[in-house]
C-alpha atoms as a PDB file:
ATOM      1  CA  MET A   1       0.000   0.000   0.000  1.00  0.00           C
ATOM      2  CA  GLY A   2       1.279   3.380  -0.911  1.00  0.00           C
ATOM      3  CA  ASP A   3       1.397   6.533   1.123  1.00  0.00           C
ATOM      4  CA  ASP A   4      -0.838   8.143  -1.503  1.00  0.00           C
ATOM      5  CA  LEU A   5      -3.973   6.529  -0.061  1.00  0.00           C
ATOM      6  CA  LYS A   6      -6.042   9.217   1.591  1.00  0.00           C
ATOM      7  CA  LEU A   7      -8.036   7.443   4.262  1.00  0.00           C
ATOM      8  CA  PRO A   8     -11.079   9.143   5.754  1.00  0.00           C
ATOM      9  CA  ILE A   9     -10.870   7.113   8.960  1.00  0.00           C
ATOM     10  CA  LYS A  10      -8.004   7.812  11.328  1.00  0.00           C
ATOM     11  CA  GLY A  11      -6.734   6.205  14.503  1.00  0.00           C
ATOM     12  CA  LYS A  12      -8.996   3.476  15.807  1.00  0.00           C
ATOM     13  CA  GLY A  13     -12.185   5.094  14.528  1.00  0.00           C
ATOM     14  CA  GLN A  14     -13.637   8.526  15.030  1.00  0.00           C
ATOM     15  CA  CYS A  15     -17.389   8.436  14.462  1.00  0.00           C
ATOM     16  CA  LYS A  16     -18.835   9.505  17.796  1.00  0.00           C
ATOM     17  CA  THR A  17     -22.244   8.095  16.861  1.00  0.00           C
ATOM     18  CA  CYS A  18     -20.840   4.607  16.221  1.00  0.00           C
ATOM     19  CA  SER A  19     -20.653   1.836  18.798  1.00  0.00           C
ATOM     20  CA  ASP A  20     -17.242   0.902  17.346  1.00  0.00           C
ATOM     21  CA  VAL A  21     -15.741   4.370  17.818  1.00  0.00           C
ATOM     22  CA  ASN A  22     -12.495   3.047  19.311  1.00  0.00           C
ATOM     23  CA  CYS A  23     -12.270  -0.303  17.498  1.00  0.00           C
ATOM     24  CA  CYS A  24     -13.538   0.417  13.971  1.00  0.00           C
ATOM     25  CA  PRO A  25     -13.106  -2.485  11.514  1.00  0.00           C
ATOM     26  CA  MET A  26     -12.924   0.024   8.637  1.00  0.00           C
ATOM     27  CA  VAL A  27      -9.478   1.109   9.847  1.00  0.00           C
ATOM     28  CA  GLU A  28      -8.051  -2.177   8.544  1.00  0.00           C
ATOM     29  CA  THR A  29     -10.583  -3.064   5.842  1.00  0.00           C
ATOM     30  CA  LEU A  30     -10.715   0.199   3.887  1.00  0.00           C
ATOM     31  CA  PRO A  31      -6.953   0.437   3.146  1.00  0.00           C
ATOM     32  CA  ARG A  32      -6.956  -3.141   1.785  1.00  0.00           C
ATOM     33  CA  HIS A  33     -10.030  -2.428  -0.351  1.00  0.00           C
ATOM     34  CA  LEU A  34      -8.584   0.825  -1.740  1.00  0.00           C
ATOM     35  CA  ALA A  35      -5.262  -0.875  -2.514  1.00  0.00           C
ATOM     36  CA  ASN A  36      -7.106  -3.612  -4.424  1.00  0.00           C
ATOM     37  CA  VAL A  37      -9.074  -0.975  -6.347  1.00  0.00           C
ATOM     38  CA  ARG A  38      -5.841   0.775  -7.262  1.00  0.00           C
ATOM     39  CA  ILE A  39      -4.151  -2.452  -8.395  1.00  0.00           C
ATOM     40  CA  TYR A  40      -7.031  -4.324 -10.082  1.00  0.00           C
ATOM     41  CA  GLY A  41      -9.648  -1.658 -10.787  1.00  0.00           C
ATOM     42  CA  GLU A  42     -12.978  -0.722  -9.245  1.00  0.00           C
ATOM     43  CA  TYR A  43     -14.595  -4.042 -10.128  1.00  0.00           C
ATOM     44  CA  TYR A  44     -11.787  -6.287  -8.952  1.00  0.00           C
ATOM     45  CA  LYS A  45     -14.368  -8.972  -8.147  1.00  0.00           C
ATOM     46  CA  ASP A  46     -14.107  -9.991 -11.810  1.00  0.00           C
ATOM     47  CA  VAL A  47     -10.314 -10.339 -11.631  1.00  0.00           C
ATOM     48  CA  ARG A  48      -9.778 -11.433  -8.018  1.00  0.00           C
ATOM     49  CA  PRO A  49     -13.026 -12.781  -6.548  1.00  0.00           C
ATOM     50  CA  ASP A  50     -11.051 -14.133  -3.589  1.00  0.00           C
ATOM     51  CA  LEU A  51      -9.913 -10.637  -2.623  1.00  0.00           C
ATOM     52  CA  TRP A  52     -13.370  -9.220  -3.316  1.00  0.00           C
ATOM     53  CA  ASP A  53     -14.918 -11.685  -0.864  1.00  0.00           C
ATOM     54  CA  GLN A  54     -12.252 -10.894   1.719  1.00  0.00           C
ATOM     55  CA  ASP A  55     -11.738  -7.131   1.397  1.00  0.00           C
ATOM     56  CA  SER A  56     -14.556  -5.416  -0.475  1.00  0.00           C
ATOM     57  CA  VAL A  57     -16.484  -2.807   1.449  1.00  0.00           C
ATOM     58  CA  ASP A  58     -18.735   0.127   0.636  1.00  0.00           C
ATOM     59  CA  GLU A  59     -16.698   3.282   1.000  1.00  0.00           C
ATOM     60  CA  PRO A  60     -17.816   5.883   3.556  1.00  0.00           C
ATOM     61  CA  GLU A  61     -19.439   9.069   2.276  1.00  0.00           C
ATOM     62  CA  ILE A  62     -17.559  12.194   3.287  1.00  0.00           C
ATOM     63  CA  GLU A  63     -18.581  15.863   3.198  1.00  0.00           C
ATOM     64  CA  ASN A  64     -16.232  18.634   4.286  1.00  0.00           C
ATOM     65  CA  GLY A  65     -13.871  16.101   5.857  1.00  0.00           C
ATOM     66  CA  GLU A  66     -16.629  14.588   8.014  1.00  0.00           C
ATOM     67  CA  ILE A  67     -18.004  11.073   7.586  1.00  0.00           C
ATOM     68  CA  ILE A  68     -21.732  11.380   6.980  1.00  0.00           C
ATOM     69  CA  TRP A  69     -22.376   7.688   6.252  1.00  0.00           C
ATOM     70  CA  CYS A  70     -20.388   4.527   6.871  1.00  0.00           C
ATOM     71  CA  PRO A  71     -21.347   0.918   6.100  1.00  0.00           C
ATOM     72  CA  MET A  72     -20.048  -0.263   9.485  1.00  0.00           C
ATOM     73  CA  HIS A  73     -22.602   0.248  12.255  1.00  0.00           C
ATOM     74  CA  TYR A  74     -23.091   3.970  11.567  1.00  0.00           C
ATOM     75  CA  LYS A  75     -26.077   5.454  13.345  1.00  0.00           C
ATOM     76  CA  GLU A  76     -27.735   8.740  12.476  1.00  0.00           C
ATOM     77  CA  LYS A  77     -27.375  11.565  14.975  1.00  0.00           C
END
């Protein structure tokens, strides 16, 4: 993984409305998914279904540097 990946989730998780705020699984999953996208393309499930099954995840939606939706246990305010 390169240093050029800009990850929206820092530390151990930062969404205050999430029950996983200090142990967010996206912290490990998202970098792997983004690296696979960079290497194999957005639909890497066609090239590497094994990695797709293991690492694919919906990417969080971000506005003004703030996560407004996340596929991992995100709860509305």
